Every structure is written in C-alpha cells, then in structure tokens.
Amino acid sequence: MVPVWEHDYSRVVPERFTLERDDRLMNSLISNYAVELRKDGKNTGLFYLDKEGAFDAAEEIVATHYKLDDKKTVLKTKFNKVWNHFDVNADGYLEVERAP
C-alpha cells in the first residue's frame, strides 16, 4: 500500500538551488536522496539525509566521478566511518546542507 501523502506530495527544491548556475549537488541531493520534514501534515522545506539516502548518493557519486577498481569495497569500508564522523549525535540523519 502506498501512503496517502505520496499521492499529493510535491517536493519543492529551495529556490537558491534551482537554477543551472546554482549548487547542482544540493539540487540533486534534495531532489533525489533527501527526505523532507513534515509538521502537522505540511511540508516544512527542511530536508535531511538519512543513512540510506546518504549511502545512495555516495554510491552515485563514486560510480560517476571516481575511477576505482572496486567501488563497492570502497563504499563498504569507508562509508560508515564518514557517516559516523558527521552524525556525531547518532541521530540517524543529517541536515542536507551539512552533508556534502
């Protein structure tokens, strides 16, 4: 079953990340990997990366931008260390703007 909110949810990327000259990484993170905080059933415009979204973004970045022999091993060995470094409070999420 698909949650009701998915049917009427329209993600709005903050204006400062929408133009071609703006930060394309932030646009991609918000558009493809982040989750938006909702309060009282309404979108707040506050975006976060959970560990799964951050891993998916890292996987794309490594696959697209790095010439490594074993990309999966690199992610497996380094991702958790990097995640734990930034998620210092062990909240399980990072504000998307602090992630890159």
C-alpha atoms as a PDB file:
ATOM      1  CA  MET A   1       0.000   0.000   0.000  1.00  0.00           C
ATOM      2  CA  VAL A   2       1.277   3.473  -0.888  1.00  0.00           C
ATOM      3  CA  PRO A   3       0.991   6.096   1.860  1.00  0.00           C
ATOM      4  CA  VAL A   4      -1.599   8.765   1.085  1.00  0.00           C
ATOM      5  CA  TRP A   5       0.921  11.592   1.331  1.00  0.00           C
ATOM      6  CA  GLU A   6       2.902  10.181  -1.598  1.00  0.00           C
ATOM      7  CA  HIS A   7      -0.023  10.862  -3.922  1.00  0.00           C
ATOM      8  CA  ASP A   8      -0.261  14.549  -3.170  1.00  0.00           C
ATOM      9  CA  TYR A   9       3.352  15.249  -2.271  1.00  0.00           C
ATOM     10  CA  SER A  10       5.174  17.712  -4.464  1.00  0.00           C
ATOM     11  CA  ARG A  11       8.784  18.286  -3.480  1.00  0.00           C
ATOM     12  CA  VAL A  12       9.818  21.886  -3.859  1.00  0.00           C
ATOM     13  CA  VAL A  13      13.557  22.443  -4.113  1.00  0.00           C
ATOM     14  CA  PRO A  14      14.520  25.714  -2.393  1.00  0.00           C
ATOM     15  CA  GLU A  15      14.848  28.486  -4.948  1.00  0.00           C
ATOM     16  CA  ARG A  16      18.532  29.037  -4.215  1.00  0.00           C
ATOM     17  CA  PHE A  17      19.269  25.572  -5.681  1.00  0.00           C
ATOM     18  CA  THR A  18      17.042  25.594  -8.765  1.00  0.00           C
ATOM     19  CA  LEU A  19      18.953  27.476 -11.440  1.00  0.00           C
ATOM     20  CA  GLU A  20      21.692  25.927 -13.557  1.00  0.00           C
ATOM     21  CA  ARG A  21      24.302  28.279 -12.065  1.00  0.00           C
ATOM     22  CA  ASP A  22      23.305  27.268  -8.522  1.00  0.00           C
ATOM     23  CA  ASP A  23      24.709  24.391  -6.495  1.00  0.00           C
ATOM     24  CA  ARG A  24      23.858  21.331  -8.608  1.00  0.00           C
ATOM     25  CA  LEU A  25      24.952  18.870  -5.927  1.00  0.00           C
ATOM     26  CA  MET A  26      22.488  20.352  -3.444  1.00  0.00           C
ATOM     27  CA  ASN A  27      19.760  20.280  -6.081  1.00  0.00           C
ATOM     28  CA  SER A  28      20.451  16.596  -6.730  1.00  0.00           C
ATOM     29  CA  LEU A  29      20.625  15.684  -3.041  1.00  0.00           C
ATOM     30  CA  ILE A  30      17.313  17.389  -2.310  1.00  0.00           C
ATOM     31  CA  SER A  31      15.592  16.145  -5.470  1.00  0.00           C
ATOM     32  CA  ASN A  32      16.760  12.540  -5.311  1.00  0.00           C
ATOM     33  CA  TYR A  33      18.007  11.489  -1.882  1.00  0.00           C
ATOM     34  CA  ALA A  34      16.740  13.700   0.940  1.00  0.00           C
ATOM     35  CA  VAL A  35      13.530  13.396   2.911  1.00  0.00           C
ATOM     36  CA  GLU A  36      11.512  16.446   3.819  1.00  0.00           C
ATOM     37  CA  LEU A  37      10.392  17.091   7.354  1.00  0.00           C
ATOM     38  CA  ARG A  38       6.634  17.395   7.608  1.00  0.00           C
ATOM     39  CA  LYS A  39       4.906  19.049  10.518  1.00  0.00           C
ATOM     40  CA  ASP A  40       1.183  18.822  11.119  1.00  0.00           C
ATOM     41  CA  GLY A  41       0.860  17.170   7.702  1.00  0.00           C
ATOM     42  CA  LYS A  42       2.526  20.062   5.886  1.00  0.00           C
ATOM     43  CA  ASN A  43       5.883  20.326   4.140  1.00  0.00           C
ATOM     44  CA  THR A  44       8.399  22.436   6.034  1.00  0.00           C
ATOM     45  CA  GLY A  45      11.056  22.931   3.353  1.00  0.00           C
ATOM     46  CA  LEU A  46      13.609  21.345   5.710  1.00  0.00           C
ATOM     47  CA  PHE A  47      15.457  18.466   4.076  1.00  0.00           C
ATOM     48  CA  TYR A  48      17.502  15.713   5.701  1.00  0.00           C
ATOM     49  CA  LEU A  49      19.567  12.777   4.539  1.00  0.00           C
ATOM     50  CA  ASP A  50      19.067   9.548   6.400  1.00  0.00           C
ATOM     51  CA  LYS A  51      21.805   6.929   6.257  1.00  0.00           C
ATOM     52  CA  GLU A  52      20.190   5.082   3.354  1.00  0.00           C
ATOM     53  CA  GLY A  53      19.782   8.253   1.274  1.00  0.00           C
ATOM     54  CA  ALA A  54      23.345   9.312   2.020  1.00  0.00           C
ATOM     55  CA  PHE A  55      24.647   5.891   1.001  1.00  0.00           C
ATOM     56  CA  ASP A  56      22.676   6.011  -2.262  1.00  0.00           C
ATOM     57  CA  ALA A  57      24.082   9.468  -3.023  1.00  0.00           C
ATOM     58  CA  ALA A  58      27.621   8.305  -2.197  1.00  0.00           C
ATOM     59  CA  GLU A  59      27.145   5.301  -4.446  1.00  0.00           C
ATOM     60  CA  GLU A  60      26.158   7.536  -7.369  1.00  0.00           C
ATOM     61  CA  ILE A  61      28.994   9.980  -6.740  1.00  0.00           C
ATOM     62  CA  VAL A  62      31.622   7.244  -6.529  1.00  0.00           C
ATOM     63  CA  ALA A  63      30.263   5.489  -9.632  1.00  0.00           C
ATOM     64  CA  THR A  64      30.088   8.715 -11.643  1.00  0.00           C
ATOM     65  CA  HIS A  65      33.180  10.619 -10.589  1.00  0.00           C
ATOM     66  CA  TYR A  66      35.839   8.175  -9.438  1.00  0.00           C
ATOM     67  CA  LYS A  67      37.867   5.627 -11.339  1.00  0.00           C
ATOM     68  CA  LEU A  68      38.271   2.933  -8.745  1.00  0.00           C
ATOM     69  CA  ASP A  69      38.792  -0.762  -9.346  1.00  0.00           C
ATOM     70  CA  ASP A  70      36.414  -1.889  -6.628  1.00  0.00           C
ATOM     71  CA  LYS A  71      33.891   0.865  -5.909  1.00  0.00           C
ATOM     72  CA  LYS A  72      31.645  -1.312  -3.744  1.00  0.00           C
ATOM     73  CA  THR A  73      34.501  -2.243  -1.423  1.00  0.00           C
ATOM     74  CA  VAL A  74      35.489   1.410  -1.067  1.00  0.00           C
ATOM     75  CA  LEU A  75      31.939   2.314  -0.056  1.00  0.00           C
ATOM     76  CA  LYS A  76      31.632  -0.611   2.340  1.00  0.00           C
ATOM     77  CA  THR A  77      34.910   0.186   4.066  1.00  0.00           C
ATOM     78  CA  LYS A  78      34.676   3.970   4.223  1.00  0.00           C
ATOM     79  CA  PHE A  79      31.003   4.976   4.266  1.00  0.00           C
ATOM     80  CA  ASN A  80      30.212   4.061   7.879  1.00  0.00           C
ATOM     81  CA  LYS A  81      33.303   5.849   9.164  1.00  0.00           C
ATOM     82  CA  VAL A  82      32.390   9.013   7.269  1.00  0.00           C
ATOM     83  CA  TRP A  83      28.712   8.779   8.263  1.00  0.00           C
ATOM     84  CA  ASN A  84      29.603   8.392  11.948  1.00  0.00           C
ATOM     85  CA  HIS A  85      32.005  11.329  11.729  1.00  0.00           C
ATOM     86  CA  PHE A  86      29.219  13.657  10.570  1.00  0.00           C
ATOM     87  CA  ASP A  87      26.332  12.128  12.539  1.00  0.00           C
ATOM     88  CA  VAL A  88      28.074  12.900  15.824  1.00  0.00           C
ATOM     89  CA  ASN A  89      24.881  12.724  17.873  1.00  0.00           C
ATOM     90  CA  ALA A  90      23.850   9.415  16.275  1.00  0.00           C
ATOM     91  CA  ASP A  91      20.540  10.956  15.226  1.00  0.00           C
ATOM     92  CA  GLY A  92      20.379   8.852  12.063  1.00  0.00           C
ATOM     93  CA  TYR A  93      20.062  11.871   9.833  1.00  0.00           C
ATOM     94  CA  LEU A  94      21.967  14.946   8.693  1.00  0.00           C
ATOM     95  CA  GLU A  95      20.681  18.290   7.539  1.00  0.00           C
ATOM     96  CA  VAL A  96      21.114  18.073   3.776  1.00  0.00           C
ATOM     97  CA  GLU A  97      23.056  21.335   3.634  1.00  0.00           C
ATOM     98  CA  ARG A  98      25.649  19.977   6.085  1.00  0.00           C
ATOM     99  CA  ALA A  99      26.101  16.694   4.259  1.00  0.00           C
ATOM    100  CA  PRO A 100      28.435  17.496   1.324  1.00  0.00           C
END
